[in-house]
Amino acid sequence: MEANIINEKLTVLSKTLLKLRNVEEIKAFLEDLLTKSEQVSISSRLQIADMLNSGVPYSQIQRETGASSATVAKVSDNLKYGKDGFKTALERLNKSR
């Protein structure tokens, strides 16, 4: 898919999420939108990012989450070289805990 089409679709998805009012509405939307496998995968990536951000070693993350080394490495790369989406989300999540 062309980059500008992907960007447009992500913009629509992002605006949709912003329109939802609370955790229950967002959760219901995500349950309707994503397969169970996608829900697990996305939730797992956030958990992996949080663990990496906390300094947990790769091997422990793999053991505790069941994620492959490739998934842990990909999340790590996104934390280091991505657009700071994980960092922003984790900072805000940790402030609200």
N, C-alpha and C. Protein backbone atom coordinates (compact mmCIF):
# COMPACT_ATOMS: atom_id res chain seq x y z
N MET A 1 0.84 -1.18 0.00
CA MET A 1 0.00 0.00 0.00
C MET A 1 0.89 1.24 0.00
N GLU A 2 0.51 2.21 -0.75
CA GLU A 2 1.29 3.44 -0.90
C GLU A 2 1.37 4.20 0.42
N ALA A 3 2.51 4.83 0.68
CA ALA A 3 2.76 5.50 1.96
C ALA A 3 1.72 6.56 2.29
N ASN A 4 1.30 7.35 1.31
CA ASN A 4 0.32 8.41 1.61
C ASN A 4 -1.06 7.83 1.92
N ILE A 5 -1.40 6.68 1.34
CA ILE A 5 -2.67 6.02 1.65
C ILE A 5 -2.63 5.48 3.07
N ILE A 6 -1.51 4.87 3.44
CA ILE A 6 -1.34 4.38 4.81
C ILE A 6 -1.46 5.54 5.79
N ASN A 7 -0.80 6.64 5.48
CA ASN A 7 -0.84 7.82 6.34
C ASN A 7 -2.28 8.32 6.51
N GLU A 8 -3.02 8.38 5.42
CA GLU A 8 -4.42 8.82 5.47
C GLU A 8 -5.26 7.88 6.35
N LYS A 9 -5.05 6.60 6.19
CA LYS A 9 -5.82 5.62 6.97
C LYS A 9 -5.47 5.70 8.46
N LEU A 10 -4.18 5.91 8.77
CA LEU A 10 -3.79 6.06 10.17
C LEU A 10 -4.35 7.35 10.76
N THR A 11 -4.44 8.39 9.94
CA THR A 11 -5.03 9.65 10.40
C THR A 11 -6.50 9.44 10.76
N VAL A 12 -7.24 8.75 9.91
CA VAL A 12 -8.66 8.47 10.19
C VAL A 12 -8.79 7.64 11.46
N LEU A 13 -7.97 6.60 11.59
CA LEU A 13 -8.01 5.76 12.79
C LEU A 13 -7.69 6.58 14.03
N SER A 14 -6.68 7.43 13.95
CA SER A 14 -6.30 8.27 15.09
C SER A 14 -7.42 9.22 15.48
N LYS A 15 -8.04 9.84 14.50
CA LYS A 15 -9.15 10.76 14.78
C LYS A 15 -10.34 10.01 15.39
N THR A 16 -10.54 8.78 14.93
CA THR A 16 -11.62 7.96 15.48
C THR A 16 -11.37 7.68 16.96
N LEU A 17 -10.15 7.29 17.29
CA LEU A 17 -9.81 7.01 18.69
C LEU A 17 -9.99 8.26 19.56
N LEU A 18 -9.64 9.41 19.02
CA LEU A 18 -9.80 10.66 19.78
C LEU A 18 -11.27 10.99 20.04
N LYS A 19 -12.16 10.52 19.20
CA LYS A 19 -13.59 10.79 19.37
C LYS A 19 -14.22 9.94 20.48
N LEU A 20 -13.58 8.84 20.81
CA LEU A 20 -14.11 7.96 21.85
C LEU A 20 -13.85 8.60 23.22
N ARG A 21 -14.78 8.40 24.15
CA ARG A 21 -14.80 9.20 25.38
C ARG A 21 -14.16 8.58 26.60
N ASN A 22 -14.02 7.26 26.62
CA ASN A 22 -13.48 6.64 27.83
C ASN A 22 -12.89 5.26 27.48
N VAL A 23 -12.30 4.65 28.49
CA VAL A 23 -11.64 3.36 28.30
C VAL A 23 -12.61 2.32 27.78
N GLU A 24 -13.82 2.30 28.30
CA GLU A 24 -14.80 1.30 27.88
C GLU A 24 -15.14 1.43 26.39
N GLU A 25 -15.32 2.68 25.92
CA GLU A 25 -15.62 2.89 24.50
C GLU A 25 -14.45 2.49 23.61
N ILE A 26 -13.24 2.84 24.03
CA ILE A 26 -12.05 2.48 23.25
C ILE A 26 -11.88 0.97 23.22
N LYS A 27 -12.05 0.34 24.36
CA LYS A 27 -11.93 -1.11 24.43
C LYS A 27 -12.95 -1.80 23.53
N ALA A 28 -14.19 -1.34 23.56
CA ALA A 28 -15.24 -1.93 22.71
C ALA A 28 -14.90 -1.74 21.24
N PHE A 29 -14.41 -0.56 20.88
CA PHE A 29 -14.03 -0.30 19.50
C PHE A 29 -12.90 -1.23 19.07
N LEU A 30 -11.87 -1.35 19.90
CA LEU A 30 -10.73 -2.21 19.55
C LEU A 30 -11.14 -3.67 19.47
N GLU A 31 -12.07 -4.11 20.34
CA GLU A 31 -12.54 -5.49 20.27
C GLU A 31 -13.32 -5.75 18.98
N ASP A 32 -14.05 -4.72 18.51
CA ASP A 32 -14.77 -4.86 17.24
C ASP A 32 -13.82 -4.78 16.05
N LEU A 33 -12.80 -3.96 16.16
CA LEU A 33 -11.88 -3.69 15.06
C LEU A 33 -10.87 -4.81 14.85
N LEU A 34 -10.33 -5.33 15.93
CA LEU A 34 -9.20 -6.25 15.87
C LEU A 34 -9.61 -7.69 16.16
N THR A 35 -8.92 -8.62 15.53
CA THR A 35 -9.11 -10.03 15.88
C THR A 35 -8.51 -10.26 17.26
N LYS A 36 -8.86 -11.36 17.88
CA LYS A 36 -8.28 -11.70 19.19
C LYS A 36 -6.75 -11.76 19.10
N SER A 37 -6.26 -12.33 18.02
CA SER A 37 -4.82 -12.44 17.82
C SER A 37 -4.17 -11.06 17.73
N GLU A 38 -4.80 -10.14 17.00
CA GLU A 38 -4.27 -8.77 16.89
C GLU A 38 -4.32 -8.05 18.23
N GLN A 39 -5.39 -8.28 18.98
CA GLN A 39 -5.49 -7.67 20.31
C GLN A 39 -4.35 -8.12 21.21
N VAL A 40 -4.08 -9.41 21.19
CA VAL A 40 -2.99 -9.97 21.99
C VAL A 40 -1.65 -9.43 21.52
N SER A 41 -1.45 -9.40 20.21
CA SER A 41 -0.18 -8.94 19.65
C SER A 41 0.11 -7.48 20.00
N ILE A 42 -0.88 -6.63 19.82
CA ILE A 42 -0.69 -5.20 20.10
C ILE A 42 -0.48 -4.97 21.60
N SER A 43 -1.29 -5.64 22.42
CA SER A 43 -1.13 -5.50 23.87
C SER A 43 0.24 -5.99 24.32
N SER A 44 0.68 -7.08 23.72
CA SER A 44 1.99 -7.64 24.05
C SER A 44 3.11 -6.67 23.68
N ARG A 45 3.00 -6.02 22.54
CA ARG A 45 4.04 -5.06 22.12
C ARG A 45 4.14 -3.89 23.10
N LEU A 46 3.01 -3.44 23.60
CA LEU A 46 3.04 -2.36 24.59
C LEU A 46 3.70 -2.85 25.88
N GLN A 47 3.38 -4.07 26.30
CA GLN A 47 4.02 -4.65 27.48
C GLN A 47 5.52 -4.79 27.27
N ILE A 48 5.93 -5.24 26.10
CA ILE A 48 7.36 -5.38 25.79
C ILE A 48 8.04 -4.02 25.83
N ALA A 49 7.42 -3.02 25.24
CA ALA A 49 8.00 -1.68 25.25
C ALA A 49 8.17 -1.18 26.68
N ASP A 50 7.18 -1.42 27.52
CA ASP A 50 7.25 -1.00 28.92
C ASP A 50 8.39 -1.71 29.64
N MET A 51 8.52 -3.00 29.38
CA MET A 51 9.59 -3.77 30.02
C MET A 51 10.96 -3.31 29.54
N LEU A 52 11.10 -3.09 28.24
CA LEU A 52 12.37 -2.59 27.70
C LEU A 52 12.71 -1.23 28.29
N ASN A 53 11.71 -0.38 28.38
CA ASN A 53 11.89 0.95 28.93
C ASN A 53 12.33 0.90 30.38
N SER A 54 11.95 -0.18 31.08
CA SER A 54 12.32 -0.37 32.48
C SER A 54 13.64 -1.10 32.65
N GLY A 55 14.28 -1.45 31.52
CA GLY A 55 15.59 -2.10 31.58
C GLY A 55 15.57 -3.60 31.74
N VAL A 56 14.44 -4.23 31.52
CA VAL A 56 14.33 -5.69 31.63
C VAL A 56 15.08 -6.32 30.45
N PRO A 57 15.93 -7.33 30.73
CA PRO A 57 16.69 -7.99 29.65
C PRO A 57 15.79 -8.71 28.65
N TYR A 58 16.27 -8.77 27.40
CA TYR A 58 15.53 -9.43 26.32
C TYR A 58 15.08 -10.83 26.72
N SER A 59 15.99 -11.62 27.29
CA SER A 59 15.67 -13.02 27.60
C SER A 59 14.53 -13.12 28.61
N GLN A 60 14.51 -12.23 29.57
CA GLN A 60 13.42 -12.23 30.56
C GLN A 60 12.11 -11.82 29.91
N ILE A 61 12.16 -10.84 29.02
CA ILE A 61 10.96 -10.39 28.31
C ILE A 61 10.39 -11.55 27.49
N GLN A 62 11.26 -12.27 26.78
CA GLN A 62 10.81 -13.41 25.98
C GLN A 62 10.15 -14.47 26.87
N ARG A 63 10.77 -14.76 28.00
CA ARG A 63 10.22 -15.76 28.92
C ARG A 63 8.85 -15.33 29.45
N GLU A 64 8.76 -14.09 29.89
CA GLU A 64 7.53 -13.62 30.55
C GLU A 64 6.39 -13.34 29.58
N THR A 65 6.71 -12.96 28.35
CA THR A 65 5.65 -12.59 27.40
C THR A 65 5.40 -13.67 26.36
N GLY A 66 6.36 -14.54 26.15
CA GLY A 66 6.24 -15.54 25.09
C GLY A 66 6.54 -14.97 23.71
N ALA A 67 7.02 -13.72 23.66
CA ALA A 67 7.34 -13.08 22.39
C ALA A 67 8.63 -13.64 21.81
N SER A 68 8.73 -13.59 20.50
CA SER A 68 9.96 -14.04 19.84
C SER A 68 11.05 -12.99 20.00
N SER A 69 12.28 -13.40 19.78
CA SER A 69 13.39 -12.45 19.84
C SER A 69 13.24 -11.38 18.77
N ALA A 70 12.66 -11.74 17.62
CA ALA A 70 12.45 -10.78 16.54
C ALA A 70 11.45 -9.69 16.96
N THR A 71 10.39 -10.10 17.66
CA THR A 71 9.40 -9.12 18.12
C THR A 71 10.00 -8.18 19.15
N VAL A 72 10.75 -8.74 20.09
CA VAL A 72 11.40 -7.91 21.12
C VAL A 72 12.37 -6.94 20.45
N ALA A 73 13.14 -7.42 19.49
CA ALA A 73 14.10 -6.56 18.78
C ALA A 73 13.38 -5.45 18.00
N LYS A 74 12.27 -5.79 17.36
CA LYS A 74 11.51 -4.80 16.59
C LYS A 74 10.95 -3.71 17.51
N VAL A 75 10.40 -4.11 18.64
CA VAL A 75 9.88 -3.12 19.59
C VAL A 75 11.03 -2.27 20.12
N SER A 76 12.16 -2.89 20.39
CA SER A 76 13.34 -2.16 20.85
C SER A 76 13.79 -1.13 19.82
N ASP A 77 13.83 -1.54 18.56
CA ASP A 77 14.19 -0.60 17.48
C ASP A 77 13.21 0.56 17.41
N ASN A 78 11.92 0.25 17.56
CA ASN A 78 10.92 1.32 17.53
C ASN A 78 11.09 2.28 18.71
N LEU A 79 11.44 1.75 19.86
CA LEU A 79 11.70 2.61 21.02
C LEU A 79 12.90 3.52 20.78
N LYS A 80 13.93 2.97 20.17
CA LYS A 80 15.17 3.74 19.96
C LYS A 80 15.10 4.67 18.76
N TYR A 81 14.52 4.19 17.65
CA TYR A 81 14.63 4.93 16.39
C TYR A 81 13.28 5.32 15.77
N GLY A 82 12.20 5.02 16.48
CA GLY A 82 10.87 5.31 15.95
C GLY A 82 10.49 6.78 16.11
N LYS A 83 9.23 7.03 16.04
CA LYS A 83 8.71 8.40 16.09
C LYS A 83 8.31 8.80 17.51
N ASP A 84 8.80 8.08 18.49
CA ASP A 84 8.57 8.33 19.92
C ASP A 84 7.13 8.08 20.37
N GLY A 85 6.39 7.34 19.58
CA GLY A 85 5.02 7.00 19.97
C GLY A 85 4.98 6.14 21.23
N PHE A 86 5.82 5.11 21.27
CA PHE A 86 5.89 4.27 22.47
C PHE A 86 6.31 5.11 23.67
N LYS A 87 7.34 5.92 23.50
CA LYS A 87 7.86 6.72 24.62
C LYS A 87 6.79 7.65 25.17
N THR A 88 6.08 8.34 24.30
CA THR A 88 5.03 9.25 24.73
C THR A 88 3.93 8.50 25.46
N ALA A 89 3.48 7.40 24.87
CA ALA A 89 2.41 6.60 25.49
C ALA A 89 2.84 6.07 26.85
N LEU A 90 4.06 5.55 26.94
CA LEU A 90 4.52 4.98 28.21
C LEU A 90 4.69 6.06 29.28
N GLU A 91 5.21 7.21 28.90
CA GLU A 91 5.35 8.30 29.87
C GLU A 91 3.99 8.68 30.44
N ARG A 92 3.01 8.82 29.59
CA ARG A 92 1.68 9.22 30.04
C ARG A 92 0.99 8.11 30.83
N LEU A 93 1.19 6.89 30.40
CA LEU A 93 0.61 5.75 31.12
C LEU A 93 1.21 5.65 32.51
N ASN A 94 2.53 5.78 32.61
CA ASN A 94 3.20 5.67 33.90
C ASN A 94 2.86 6.83 34.83
N LYS A 95 2.58 8.01 34.28
CA LYS A 95 2.16 9.14 35.12
C LYS A 95 0.79 8.90 35.73
N SER A 96 -0.06 8.17 35.00
CA SER A 96 -1.43 7.96 35.47
C SER A 96 -1.59 6.73 36.36
N ARG A 97 -0.54 5.95 36.52
CA ARG A 97 -0.62 4.72 37.34
C ARG A 97 -0.62 5.04 38.80
